[in-house]
Amino acid sequence: MRVLLIKTSSLGDVIHTLPALTDAARAIPGIQFDWVVEEGFAEIPAWHPAVAQVIPVAIRRWRKQLWHTLKSGEWARFKQRLQGTRYDLVIDAQGLLKSAWLTRYAQAPVAGLDRNSARESMACRFYDRRYTVARDQHALERVRQLFAQALNYPLPTGIGDYGLNRAQLADAAAQPYLLFLHGTTWPSKHWPQAHWRELAEQMSALGWAIRLPWGNEVEKARAEQIAAGLENAAVLPRLNLAGLAKVIAGASACVAVDTGLGHLAAALDVPTISLYGPTLPGRVGAYGRSQIHLCASGPNAGLGDRHKPCFDSLPPQRVMTELHALLLAEDNA
């Protein structure tokens, strides 16, 4: 059986789809998926053994350069690629108009969420088969339920399995290290730099090596200030997604703000402390074993405001205490 999967973005959403593929592969031996995904995340689906082909799209870039996209033939080649393969089913796991629109180029029945379950209710007009999945649960579990209904197998019980091989991705490290995933998008999601610095000082004094990645110049400057003068702390070179995955996979533990890389750490089964301020982890938090969620409790916490700070109630000492407990639990596992 060959299935075309549409799940284009974001990083966290892409990662949350992996356990559904594992469920399907265990329930239907020999099933293969081709996955349509944003070009920036195209490396991730290829890590899963049930994925036969990754089909990159560039919706974000195409929107900005519409004329060039049409003139260059990039859009035509994408359509031809979908039309040139025979599929048994198409699953739109995104539930948006932009993803539903892509399904029309594949010659197969299309499955997706019904109007009360999809993120954009109009998307269901593109589907031949519509399924109900309750909204008030974790996004990862919603995708697992959609796949189980669309492919007609019993929903497995227990925690979802991302199907990734951490040992295969990790590079051998000279010494154990902690990874601080400090970069994120919203200003209000940033744990204060002074808190990162204090945590780095405390863990470095205990002999832990600390690694700090970055993705832009602002993040690089923050990483350098957190690591400044600490013998055990190092700012990493700029890495692509595959390089970051190797560093994450090799870490003894991570501390992360609400960011897609935190979801990648969970997918690689790396023990992680995730820090939540304006957002809540219930429906989109890091999912997996050895995942600790620490939530701020200030007046602006959990309100979804992009700009108002709310991390005053989540001091470094609390994070360090939880990190110690997490590392101890891993040692005794």
C-alpha atoms as a PDB file:
ATOM      1  CA  MET A   1       0.000   0.000   0.000  1.00  0.00           C
ATOM      2  CA  ARG A   2       1.308   3.460  -0.913  1.00  0.00           C
ATOM      3  CA  VAL A   3       0.007   6.593   0.777  1.00  0.00           C
ATOM      4  CA  LEU A   4       0.684  10.253   0.050  1.00  0.00           C
ATOM      5  CA  LEU A   5       0.934  12.281   3.250  1.00  0.00           C
ATOM      6  CA  ILE A   6       0.479  16.039   3.296  1.00  0.00           C
ATOM      7  CA  LYS A   7       1.993  17.675   6.370  1.00  0.00           C
ATOM      8  CA  THR A   8       4.054  20.640   5.309  1.00  0.00           C
ATOM      9  CA  SER A   9       4.934  22.583   8.473  1.00  0.00           C
ATOM     10  CA  SER A  10       5.834  23.652  11.120  1.00  0.00           C
ATOM     11  CA  LEU A  11       8.804  21.833  12.655  1.00  0.00           C
ATOM     12  CA  GLY A  12       6.806  20.722  15.685  1.00  0.00           C
ATOM     13  CA  ASP A  13       3.828  19.652  13.537  1.00  0.00           C
ATOM     14  CA  VAL A  14       6.066  17.589  11.273  1.00  0.00           C
ATOM     15  CA  ILE A  15       7.664  15.845  14.249  1.00  0.00           C
ATOM     16  CA  HIS A  16       4.265  15.183  15.822  1.00  0.00           C
ATOM     17  CA  THR A  17       3.271  13.191  12.712  1.00  0.00           C
ATOM     18  CA  LEU A  18       6.039  10.592  13.035  1.00  0.00           C
ATOM     19  CA  PRO A  19       4.354   8.300  15.621  1.00  0.00           C
ATOM     20  CA  ALA A  20       1.324   7.908  13.332  1.00  0.00           C
ATOM     21  CA  LEU A  21       3.638   6.494  10.662  1.00  0.00           C
ATOM     22  CA  THR A  22       5.061   4.043  13.183  1.00  0.00           C
ATOM     23  CA  ASP A  23       1.539   2.929  14.132  1.00  0.00           C
ATOM     24  CA  ALA A  24       0.594   2.432  10.480  1.00  0.00           C
ATOM     25  CA  ALA A  25       3.768   0.530   9.622  1.00  0.00           C
ATOM     26  CA  ARG A  26       3.170  -1.898  12.504  1.00  0.00           C
ATOM     27  CA  ALA A  27      -0.497  -2.394  11.610  1.00  0.00           C
ATOM     28  CA  ILE A  28      -0.051  -2.712   7.821  1.00  0.00           C
ATOM     29  CA  PRO A  29       3.160  -4.530   6.861  1.00  0.00           C
ATOM     30  CA  GLY A  30       4.763  -3.118   3.728  1.00  0.00           C
ATOM     31  CA  ILE A  31       2.945   0.213   3.772  1.00  0.00           C
ATOM     32  CA  GLN A  32       4.992   3.094   2.349  1.00  0.00           C
ATOM     33  CA  PHE A  33       4.494   6.828   2.578  1.00  0.00           C
ATOM     34  CA  ASP A  34       5.530   9.645   0.298  1.00  0.00           C
ATOM     35  CA  TRP A  35       5.539  12.860   2.341  1.00  0.00           C
ATOM     36  CA  VAL A  36       4.906  16.391   1.062  1.00  0.00           C
ATOM     37  CA  VAL A  37       6.729  18.762   3.428  1.00  0.00           C
ATOM     38  CA  GLU A  38       8.196  22.260   3.433  1.00  0.00           C
ATOM     39  CA  GLU A  39      11.719  22.263   1.999  1.00  0.00           C
ATOM     40  CA  GLY A  40      13.249  23.494   5.264  1.00  0.00           C
ATOM     41  CA  PHE A  41      12.050  20.376   7.103  1.00  0.00           C
ATOM     42  CA  ALA A  42      12.630  17.835   4.319  1.00  0.00           C
ATOM     43  CA  GLU A  43      15.375  15.995   6.217  1.00  0.00           C
ATOM     44  CA  ILE A  44      13.070  14.862   9.023  1.00  0.00           C
ATOM     45  CA  PRO A  45      10.649  12.525   7.155  1.00  0.00           C
ATOM     46  CA  ALA A  46      13.604  10.709   5.575  1.00  0.00           C
ATOM     47  CA  TRP A  47      14.696   9.551   9.036  1.00  0.00           C
ATOM     48  CA  HIS A  48      11.566   7.392   9.387  1.00  0.00           C
ATOM     49  CA  PRO A  49      11.801   3.894   7.855  1.00  0.00           C
ATOM     50  CA  ALA A  50       8.212   3.956   6.539  1.00  0.00           C
ATOM     51  CA  VAL A  51       8.896   6.975   4.283  1.00  0.00           C
ATOM     52  CA  ALA A  52       9.802   6.040   0.710  1.00  0.00           C
ATOM     53  CA  GLN A  53      10.075   9.511  -0.829  1.00  0.00           C
ATOM     54  CA  VAL A  54      10.173  13.043   0.509  1.00  0.00           C
ATOM     55  CA  ILE A  55       8.520  15.588  -1.779  1.00  0.00           C
ATOM     56  CA  PRO A  56       9.600  19.114  -0.807  1.00  0.00           C
ATOM     57  CA  VAL A  57       7.341  22.096  -1.322  1.00  0.00           C
ATOM     58  CA  ALA A  58       8.160  25.747  -0.795  1.00  0.00           C
ATOM     59  CA  ILE A  59       4.783  27.354  -0.185  1.00  0.00           C
ATOM     60  CA  ARG A  60       6.290  30.150   1.901  1.00  0.00           C
ATOM     61  CA  ARG A  61       8.854  30.979  -0.764  1.00  0.00           C
ATOM     62  CA  TRP A  62       6.470  30.457  -3.684  1.00  0.00           C
ATOM     63  CA  ARG A  63       4.011  32.969  -2.256  1.00  0.00           C
ATOM     64  CA  LYS A  64       6.721  35.625  -2.170  1.00  0.00           C
ATOM     65  CA  GLN A  65       8.018  34.829  -5.661  1.00  0.00           C
ATOM     66  CA  LEU A  66       4.865  33.743  -7.488  1.00  0.00           C
ATOM     67  CA  TRP A  67       5.900  34.863 -10.977  1.00  0.00           C
ATOM     68  CA  HIS A  68       9.345  33.310 -10.702  1.00  0.00           C
ATOM     69  CA  THR A  69       7.829  30.051  -9.393  1.00  0.00           C
ATOM     70  CA  LEU A  70       5.510  29.784 -12.399  1.00  0.00           C
ATOM     71  CA  LYS A  71       8.096  30.901 -14.950  1.00  0.00           C
ATOM     72  CA  SER A  72      10.824  28.586 -13.679  1.00  0.00           C
ATOM     73  CA  GLY A  73       8.559  25.552 -13.926  1.00  0.00           C
ATOM     74  CA  GLU A  74       9.042  24.699 -10.251  1.00  0.00           C
ATOM     75  CA  TRP A  75       5.305  24.551  -9.592  1.00  0.00           C
ATOM     76  CA  ALA A  76       4.675  22.482 -12.736  1.00  0.00           C
ATOM     77  CA  ARG A  77       7.343  19.971 -11.742  1.00  0.00           C
ATOM     78  CA  PHE A  78       5.819  19.596  -8.306  1.00  0.00           C
ATOM     79  CA  LYS A  79       2.379  18.858  -9.771  1.00  0.00           C
ATOM     80  CA  GLN A  80       3.839  16.370 -12.240  1.00  0.00           C
ATOM     81  CA  ARG A  81       5.580  14.536  -9.428  1.00  0.00           C
ATOM     82  CA  LEU A  82       2.295  14.037  -7.574  1.00  0.00           C
ATOM     83  CA  GLN A  83       0.401  13.108 -10.715  1.00  0.00           C
ATOM     84  CA  GLY A  84       3.082  10.671 -11.840  1.00  0.00           C
ATOM     85  CA  THR A  85       2.727   8.279  -8.900  1.00  0.00           C
ATOM     86  CA  ARG A  86      -0.228   6.022  -8.239  1.00  0.00           C
ATOM     87  CA  TYR A  87      -1.386   6.176  -4.636  1.00  0.00           C
ATOM     88  CA  ASP A  88      -3.961   4.156  -2.768  1.00  0.00           C
ATOM     89  CA  LEU A  89      -4.829   7.058  -0.480  1.00  0.00           C
ATOM     90  CA  VAL A  90      -3.927  10.665   0.282  1.00  0.00           C
ATOM     91  CA  ILE A  91      -4.004  11.836   3.912  1.00  0.00           C
ATOM     92  CA  ASP A  92      -4.038  15.544   4.672  1.00  0.00           C
ATOM     93  CA  ALA A  93      -2.795  15.634   8.255  1.00  0.00           C
ATOM     94  CA  GLN A  94      -2.547  19.439   8.275  1.00  0.00           C
ATOM     95  CA  GLY A  95      -6.194  20.376   8.022  1.00  0.00           C
ATOM     96  CA  LEU A  96      -5.579  23.744   6.373  1.00  0.00           C
ATOM     97  CA  LEU A  97      -6.745  25.167   3.056  1.00  0.00           C
ATOM     98  CA  LYS A  98      -3.150  25.362   1.805  1.00  0.00           C
ATOM     99  CA  SER A  99      -2.574  21.664   2.480  1.00  0.00           C
ATOM    100  CA  ALA A 100      -5.985  20.588   1.218  1.00  0.00           C
ATOM    101  CA  TRP A 101      -5.313  22.442  -2.052  1.00  0.00           C
ATOM    102  CA  LEU A 102      -2.237  20.285  -2.660  1.00  0.00           C
ATOM    103  CA  THR A 103      -4.286  17.073  -2.462  1.00  0.00           C
ATOM    104  CA  ARG A 104      -6.128  17.869  -5.704  1.00  0.00           C
ATOM    105  CA  TYR A 105      -3.070  16.998  -7.794  1.00  0.00           C
ATOM    106  CA  ALA A 106      -2.878  13.370  -6.649  1.00  0.00           C
ATOM    107  CA  GLN A 107      -5.053  10.743  -8.322  1.00  0.00           C
ATOM    108  CA  ALA A 108      -6.386   8.960  -5.244  1.00  0.00           C
ATOM    109  CA  PRO A 109      -9.115   9.276  -2.608  1.00  0.00           C
ATOM    110  CA  VAL A 110      -8.344  11.985  -0.058  1.00  0.00           C
ATOM    111  CA  ALA A 111      -8.822  11.546   3.691  1.00  0.00           C
ATOM    112  CA  GLY A 112      -8.805  14.302   6.288  1.00  0.00           C
ATOM    113  CA  LEU A 113     -10.535  15.780   9.294  1.00  0.00           C
ATOM    114  CA  ASP A 114     -14.190  16.797   9.193  1.00  0.00           C
ATOM    115  CA  ARG A 115     -15.271  20.418   9.494  1.00  0.00           C
ATOM    116  CA  ASN A 116     -15.543  20.269  13.284  1.00  0.00           C
ATOM    117  CA  SER A 117     -12.075  18.733  13.664  1.00  0.00           C
ATOM    118  CA  ALA A 118      -9.928  20.518  11.057  1.00  0.00           C
ATOM    119  CA  ARG A 119      -8.032  23.681  11.940  1.00  0.00           C
ATOM    120  CA  GLU A 120      -9.704  25.367   8.956  1.00  0.00           C
ATOM    121  CA  SER A 121     -13.181  23.944   8.424  1.00  0.00           C
ATOM    122  CA  MET A 122     -13.276  24.781   4.697  1.00  0.00           C
ATOM    123  CA  ALA A 123     -10.412  22.343   4.083  1.00  0.00           C
ATOM    124  CA  CYS A 124     -12.779  19.390   4.450  1.00  0.00           C
ATOM    125  CA  ARG A 125     -14.441  20.301   1.136  1.00  0.00           C
ATOM    126  CA  PHE A 126     -11.405  18.798  -0.606  1.00  0.00           C
ATOM    127  CA  TYR A 127     -11.723  15.430   1.142  1.00  0.00           C
ATOM    128  CA  ASP A 128     -13.534  12.313  -0.034  1.00  0.00           C
ATOM    129  CA  ARG A 129     -13.363  10.766   3.446  1.00  0.00           C
ATOM    130  CA  ARG A 130     -13.829  12.871   6.571  1.00  0.00           C
ATOM    131  CA  TYR A 131     -13.096  11.801  10.113  1.00  0.00           C
ATOM    132  CA  THR A 132     -13.925  13.175  13.543  1.00  0.00           C
ATOM    133  CA  VAL A 133     -11.046  13.655  15.978  1.00  0.00           C
ATOM    134  CA  ALA A 134     -11.627  15.499  19.239  1.00  0.00           C
ATOM    135  CA  ARG A 135      -9.761  18.791  19.536  1.00  0.00           C
ATOM    136  CA  ASP A 136      -9.183  18.758  23.306  1.00  0.00           C
ATOM    137  CA  GLN A 137      -6.115  16.481  23.283  1.00  0.00           C
ATOM    138  CA  HIS A 138      -2.476  16.561  22.271  1.00  0.00           C
ATOM    139  CA  ALA A 139      -1.858  17.273  18.563  1.00  0.00           C
ATOM    140  CA  LEU A 140       0.280  14.146  18.222  1.00  0.00           C
ATOM    141  CA  GLU A 141      -2.528  11.926  19.476  1.00  0.00           C
ATOM    142  CA  ARG A 142      -4.948  13.610  17.077  1.00  0.00           C
ATOM    143  CA  VAL A 143      -2.766  12.648  14.117  1.00  0.00           C
ATOM    144  CA  ARG A 144      -2.487   9.065  15.379  1.00  0.00           C
ATOM    145  CA  GLN A 145      -6.279   8.867  15.580  1.00  0.00           C
ATOM    146  CA  LEU A 146      -6.723  10.298  12.086  1.00  0.00           C
ATOM    147  CA  PHE A 147      -4.343   7.711  10.610  1.00  0.00           C
ATOM    148  CA  ALA A 148      -6.000   4.836  12.461  1.00  0.00           C
ATOM    149  CA  GLN A 149      -9.410   5.795  11.082  1.00  0.00           C
ATOM    150  CA  ALA A 150      -8.222   6.601   7.555  1.00  0.00           C
ATOM    151  CA  LEU A 151      -6.221   3.356   7.249  1.00  0.00           C
ATOM    152  CA  ASN A 152      -8.699   1.234   9.221  1.00  0.00           C
ATOM    153  CA  TYR A 153      -6.588  -0.268  11.999  1.00  0.00           C
ATOM    154  CA  PRO A 154      -7.121  -0.291  15.791  1.00  0.00           C
ATOM    155  CA  LEU A 155      -5.529   2.677  17.512  1.00  0.00           C
ATOM    156  CA  PRO A 156      -2.550   1.388  19.523  1.00  0.00           C
ATOM    157  CA  THR A 157      -2.562   2.015  23.243  1.00  0.00           C
ATOM    158  CA  GLY A 158       0.364   3.535  25.088  1.00  0.00           C
ATOM    159  CA  ILE A 159       2.760   6.346  24.299  1.00  0.00           C
ATOM    160  CA  GLY A 160       3.479   7.060  20.635  1.00  0.00           C
ATOM    161  CA  ASP A 161       6.765   5.892  19.101  1.00  0.00           C
ATOM    162  CA  TYR A 162       8.497   8.381  16.790  1.00  0.00           C
ATOM    163  CA  GLY A 163      10.366   5.557  15.038  1.00  0.00           C
ATOM    164  CA  LEU A 164      13.716   7.364  15.035  1.00  0.00           C
ATOM    165  CA  ASN A 165      17.055   5.764  15.857  1.00  0.00           C
ATOM    166  CA  ARG A 166      18.838   8.101  18.276  1.00  0.00           C
ATOM    167  CA  ALA A 167      22.054   6.065  18.286  1.00  0.00           C
ATOM    168  CA  GLN A 168      22.219   6.195  14.493  1.00  0.00           C
ATOM    169  CA  LEU A 169      21.958   9.984  14.434  1.00  0.00           C
ATOM    170  CA  ALA A 170      24.233  10.827  17.365  1.00  0.00           C
ATOM    171  CA  ASP A 171      27.939  11.586  16.991  1.00  0.00           C
ATOM    172  CA  ALA A 172      30.320  10.179  19.592  1.00  0.00           C
ATOM    173  CA  ALA A 173      31.071  12.879  22.180  1.00  0.00           C
ATOM    174  CA  ALA A 174      34.362  13.272  24.021  1.00  0.00           C
ATOM    175  CA  GLN A 175      32.459  14.000  27.236  1.00  0.00           C
ATOM    176  CA  PRO A 176      28.809  14.108  28.328  1.00  0.00           C
ATOM    177  CA  TYR A 177      27.149  17.462  27.743  1.00  0.00           C
ATOM    178  CA  LEU A 178      23.958  19.406  28.319  1.00  0.00           C
ATOM    179  CA  LEU A 179      22.330  21.276  25.467  1.00  0.00           C
ATOM    180  CA  PHE A 180      20.623  24.626  26.066  1.00  0.00           C
ATOM    181  CA  LEU A 181      17.997  25.280  23.366  1.00  0.00           C
ATOM    182  CA  HIS A 182      17.534  28.963  24.097  1.00  0.00           C
ATOM    183  CA  GLY A 183      16.291  30.241  20.715  1.00  0.00           C
ATOM    184  CA  THR A 184      12.623  30.719  19.893  1.00  0.00           C
ATOM    185  CA  THR A 185      10.319  33.049  17.964  1.00  0.00           C
ATOM    186  CA  TRP A 186       8.020  35.071  20.223  1.00  0.00           C
ATOM    187  CA  PRO A 187       9.740  37.568  22.536  1.00  0.00           C
ATOM    188  CA  SER A 188       7.560  36.323  25.397  1.00  0.00           C
ATOM    189  CA  LYS A 189       8.752  32.712  24.947  1.00  0.00           C
ATOM    190  CA  HIS A 190      12.341  33.636  25.796  1.00  0.00           C
ATOM    191  CA  TRP A 191      13.519  32.590  29.221  1.00  0.00           C
ATOM    192  CA  PRO A 192      15.547  35.567  30.524  1.00  0.00           C
ATOM    193  CA  GLN A 193      19.200  35.560  29.495  1.00  0.00           C
ATOM    194  CA  ALA A 194      20.275  36.137  33.104  1.00  0.00           C
ATOM    195  CA  HIS A 195      18.463  32.916  34.059  1.00  0.00           C
ATOM    196  CA  TRP A 196      20.293  30.972  31.341  1.00  0.00           C
ATOM    197  CA  ARG A 197      23.580  32.405  32.560  1.00  0.00           C
ATOM    198  CA  GLU A 198      22.916  31.426  36.180  1.00  0.00           C
ATOM    199  CA  LEU A 199      21.921  27.908  35.172  1.00  0.00           C
ATOM    200  CA  ALA A 200      25.043  27.604  33.019  1.00  0.00           C
ATOM    201  CA  GLU A 201      27.250  28.737  35.916  1.00  0.00           C
ATOM    202  CA  GLN A 202      25.663  26.262  38.316  1.00  0.00           C
ATOM    203  CA  MET A 203      25.845  23.258  35.978  1.00  0.00           C
ATOM    204  CA  SER A 204      29.353  24.153  34.817  1.00  0.00           C
ATOM    205  CA  ALA A 205      30.517  24.315  38.434  1.00  0.00           C
ATOM    206  CA  LEU A 206      29.273  20.748  38.829  1.00  0.00           C
ATOM    207  CA  GLY A 207      31.495  19.655  35.954  1.00  0.00           C
ATOM    208  CA  TRP A 208      28.933  19.521  33.179  1.00  0.00           C
ATOM    209  CA  ALA A 209      29.890  20.598  29.676  1.00  0.00           C
ATOM    210  CA  ILE A 210      27.309  22.917  28.110  1.00  0.00           C
ATOM    211  CA  ARG A 211      26.635  23.402  24.411  1.00  0.00           C
ATOM    212  CA  LEU A 212      24.713  26.325  22.935  1.00  0.00           C
ATOM    213  CA  PRO A 213      23.425  26.287  19.341  1.00  0.00           C
ATOM    214  CA  TRP A 214      22.146  29.313  17.452  1.00  0.00           C
ATOM    215  CA  GLY A 215      20.289  30.084  14.235  1.00  0.00           C
ATOM    216  CA  ASN A 216      20.749  33.829  13.711  1.00  0.00           C
ATOM    217  CA  GLU A 217      22.999  36.645  14.873  1.00  0.00           C
ATOM    218  CA  VAL A 218      20.770  37.594  17.811  1.00  0.00           C
ATOM    219  CA  GLU A 219      20.820  34.011  19.078  1.00  0.00           C
ATOM    220  CA  LYS A 220      24.569  33.798  18.523  1.00  0.00           C
ATOM    221  CA  ALA A 221      25.144  36.926  20.626  1.00  0.00           C
ATOM    222  CA  ARG A 222      22.933  35.538  23.402  1.00  0.00           C
ATOM    223  CA  ALA A 223      24.788  32.209  23.341  1.00  0.00           C
ATOM    224  CA  GLU A 224      28.142  33.969  23.565  1.00  0.00           C
ATOM    225  CA  GLN A 225      27.001  36.015  26.558  1.00  0.00           C
ATOM    226  CA  ILE A 226      25.642  32.927  28.341  1.00  0.00           C
ATOM    227  CA  ALA A 227      28.915  31.047  27.784  1.00  0.00           C
ATOM    228  CA  ALA A 228      31.334  33.933  28.370  1.00  0.00           C
ATOM    229  CA  GLY A 229      34.167  32.985  30.726  1.00  0.00           C
ATOM    230  CA  LEU A 230      32.815  29.506  31.509  1.00  0.00           C
ATOM    231  CA  GLU A 231      35.453  26.904  30.780  1.00  0.00           C
ATOM    232  CA  ASN A 232      32.940  24.101  30.206  1.00  0.00           C
ATOM    233  CA  ALA A 233      30.529  26.103  28.014  1.00  0.00           C
ATOM    234  CA  ALA A 234      30.887  26.317  24.236  1.00  0.00           C
ATOM    235  CA  VAL A 235      28.965  28.083  21.496  1.00  0.00           C
ATOM    236  CA  LEU A 236      28.482  25.730  18.560  1.00  0.00           C
ATOM    237  CA  PRO A 237      29.073  26.713  14.938  1.00  0.00           C
ATOM    238  CA  ARG A 238      25.974  27.407  12.893  1.00  0.00           C
ATOM    239  CA  LEU A 239      24.379  24.057  11.999  1.00  0.00           C
ATOM    240  CA  ASN A 240      21.705  22.889   9.600  1.00  0.00           C
ATOM    241  CA  LEU A 241      18.821  20.761  10.823  1.00  0.00           C
ATOM    242  CA  ALA A 242      20.697  17.486  10.334  1.00  0.00           C
ATOM    243  CA  GLY A 243      23.676  18.872  12.273  1.00  0.00           C
ATOM    244  CA  LEU A 244      21.442  20.046  15.092  1.00  0.00           C
ATOM    245  CA  ALA A 245      19.782  16.633  15.230  1.00  0.00           C
ATOM    246  CA  LYS A 246      23.184  15.002  15.749  1.00  0.00           C
ATOM    247  CA  VAL A 247      24.029  17.378  18.579  1.00  0.00           C
ATOM    248  CA  ILE A 248      20.634  16.887  20.209  1.00  0.00           C
ATOM    249  CA  ALA A 249      20.851  13.104  19.876  1.00  0.00           C
ATOM    250  CA  GLY A 250      24.238  13.090  21.610  1.00  0.00           C
ATOM    251  CA  ALA A 251      23.198  15.204  24.604  1.00  0.00           C
ATOM    252  CA  SER A 252      22.741  13.764  28.076  1.00  0.00           C
ATOM    253  CA  ALA A 253      19.824  16.177  28.516  1.00  0.00           C
ATOM    254  CA  CYS A 254      18.397  19.393  27.092  1.00  0.00           C
ATOM    255  CA  VAL A 255      16.844  22.493  28.562  1.00  0.00           C
ATOM    256  CA  ALA A 256      14.552  24.127  26.003  1.00  0.00           C
ATOM    257  CA  VAL A 257      12.130  26.966  25.621  1.00  0.00           C
ATOM    258  CA  ASP A 258       8.976  26.411  23.558  1.00  0.00           C
ATOM    259  CA  THR A 259      10.665  25.710  20.217  1.00  0.00           C
ATOM    260  CA  GLY A 260      10.594  23.122  17.454  1.00  0.00           C
ATOM    261  CA  LEU A 261      14.019  21.859  18.487  1.00  0.00           C
ATOM    262  CA  GLY A 262      12.547  20.902  21.845  1.00  0.00           C
ATOM    263  CA  HIS A 263      10.095  18.656  19.991  1.00  0.00           C
ATOM    264  CA  LEU A 264      13.028  17.151  18.096  1.00  0.00           C
ATOM    265  CA  ALA A 265      14.726  16.371  21.407  1.00  0.00           C
ATOM    266  CA  ALA A 266      11.563  14.570  22.551  1.00  0.00           C
ATOM    267  CA  ALA A 267      11.394  12.646  19.275  1.00  0.00           C
ATOM    268  CA  LEU A 268      14.985  11.495  19.777  1.00  0.00           C
ATOM    269  CA  ASP A 269      14.147  10.366  23.312  1.00  0.00           C
ATOM    270  CA  VAL A 270      16.542  12.865  24.903  1.00  0.00           C
ATOM    271  CA  PRO A 271      15.598  13.805  28.497  1.00  0.00           C
ATOM    272  CA  THR A 272      14.431  17.410  28.334  1.00  0.00           C
ATOM    273  CA  ILE A 273      13.199  20.194  30.599  1.00  0.00           C
ATOM    274  CA  SER A 274      10.846  22.385  28.541  1.00  0.00           C
ATOM    275  CA  LEU A 275      10.015  25.887  29.758  1.00  0.00           C
ATOM    276  CA  TYR A 276       6.576  27.322  28.991  1.00  0.00           C
ATOM    277  CA  GLY A 277       5.551  30.925  29.573  1.00  0.00           C
ATOM    278  CA  PRO A 278       2.859  32.383  27.300  1.00  0.00           C
ATOM    279  CA  THR A 279       1.903  28.929  25.971  1.00  0.00           C
ATOM    280  CA  LEU A 280       0.669  25.786  27.685  1.00  0.00           C
ATOM    281  CA  PRO A 281       1.993  22.292  26.942  1.00  0.00           C
ATOM    282  CA  GLY A 282      -1.273  20.364  27.127  1.00  0.00           C
ATOM    283  CA  ARG A 283      -2.002  20.188  23.384  1.00  0.00           C
ATOM    284  CA  VAL A 284       1.333  21.009  21.766  1.00  0.00           C
ATOM    285  CA  GLY A 285       3.983  20.391  24.411  1.00  0.00           C
ATOM    286  CA  ALA A 286       7.066  18.186  24.049  1.00  0.00           C
ATOM    287  CA  TYR A 287       5.719  14.629  23.992  1.00  0.00           C
ATOM    288  CA  GLY A 288       7.564  11.520  25.054  1.00  0.00           C
ATOM    289  CA  ARG A 289       9.477   9.760  27.770  1.00  0.00           C
ATOM    290  CA  SER A 290      11.635  11.757  30.196  1.00  0.00           C
ATOM    291  CA  GLN A 291       9.950  15.025  29.213  1.00  0.00           C
ATOM    292  CA  ILE A 292       9.429  17.546  32.023  1.00  0.00           C
ATOM    293  CA  HIS A 293       7.230  20.604  31.491  1.00  0.00           C
ATOM    294  CA  LEU A 294       7.819  23.628  33.718  1.00  0.00           C
ATOM    295  CA  CYS A 295       5.224  26.363  33.377  1.00  0.00           C
ATOM    296  CA  ALA A 296       5.436  29.962  34.504  1.00  0.00           C
ATOM    297  CA  SER A 297       2.667  31.133  36.814  1.00  0.00           C
ATOM    298  CA  GLY A 298       2.833  34.917  36.483  1.00  0.00           C
ATOM    299  CA  PRO A 299      -0.129  37.119  35.506  1.00  0.00           C
ATOM    300  CA  ASN A 300       0.677  36.836  31.782  1.00  0.00           C
ATOM    301  CA  ALA A 301       1.453  33.105  31.780  1.00  0.00           C
ATOM    302  CA  GLY A 302      -0.503  30.877  29.429  1.00  0.00           C
ATOM    303  CA  LEU A 303      -2.344  33.741  27.737  1.00  0.00           C
ATOM    304  CA  GLY A 304      -0.723  33.380  24.334  1.00  0.00           C
ATOM    305  CA  ASP A 305       0.607  36.945  24.256  1.00  0.00           C
ATOM    306  CA  ARG A 306       3.617  37.223  21.966  1.00  0.00           C
ATOM    307  CA  HIS A 307       5.226  40.163  23.747  1.00  0.00           C
ATOM    308  CA  LYS A 308       4.407  40.368  27.466  1.00  0.00           C
ATOM    309  CA  PRO A 309       7.100  38.693  29.624  1.00  0.00           C
ATOM    310  CA  CYS A 310       5.869  36.096  32.081  1.00  0.00           C
ATOM    311  CA  PHE A 311       8.881  34.095  33.313  1.00  0.00           C
ATOM    312  CA  ASP A 312       9.470  35.838  36.655  1.00  0.00           C
ATOM    313  CA  SER A 313       7.973  32.847  38.472  1.00  0.00           C
ATOM    314  CA  LEU A 314      10.312  30.291  36.872  1.00  0.00           C
ATOM    315  CA  PRO A 315      13.765  30.923  38.409  1.00  0.00           C
ATOM    316  CA  PRO A 316      16.999  29.073  37.558  1.00  0.00           C
ATOM    317  CA  GLN A 317      17.046  27.249  40.896  1.00  0.00           C
ATOM    318  CA  ARG A 318      13.787  25.465  40.109  1.00  0.00           C
ATOM    319  CA  VAL A 319      15.051  24.444  36.663  1.00  0.00           C
ATOM    320  CA  MET A 320      18.332  23.207  38.132  1.00  0.00           C
ATOM    321  CA  THR A 321      16.494  21.125  40.744  1.00  0.00           C
ATOM    322  CA  GLU A 322      14.357  19.460  38.073  1.00  0.00           C
ATOM    323  CA  LEU A 323      17.384  18.952  35.832  1.00  0.00           C
ATOM    324  CA  HIS A 324      19.299  17.231  38.640  1.00  0.00           C
ATOM    325  CA  ALA A 325      16.349  14.905  39.269  1.00  0.00           C
ATOM    326  CA  LEU A 326      16.016  14.123  35.566  1.00  0.00           C
ATOM    327  CA  LEU A 327      19.710  13.300  35.181  1.00  0.00           C
ATOM    328  CA  LEU A 328      19.645  11.153  38.317  1.00  0.00           C
ATOM    329  CA  ALA A 329      16.620   9.238  37.023  1.00  0.00           C
ATOM    330  CA  GLU A 330      18.422   8.558  33.733  1.00  0.00           C
ATOM    331  CA  ASP A 331      21.513   7.313  35.572  1.00  0.00           C
ATOM    332  CA  ASN A 332      19.391   4.894  37.579  1.00  0.00           C
ATOM    333  CA  ALA A 333      17.282   3.721  34.636  1.00  0.00           C
END
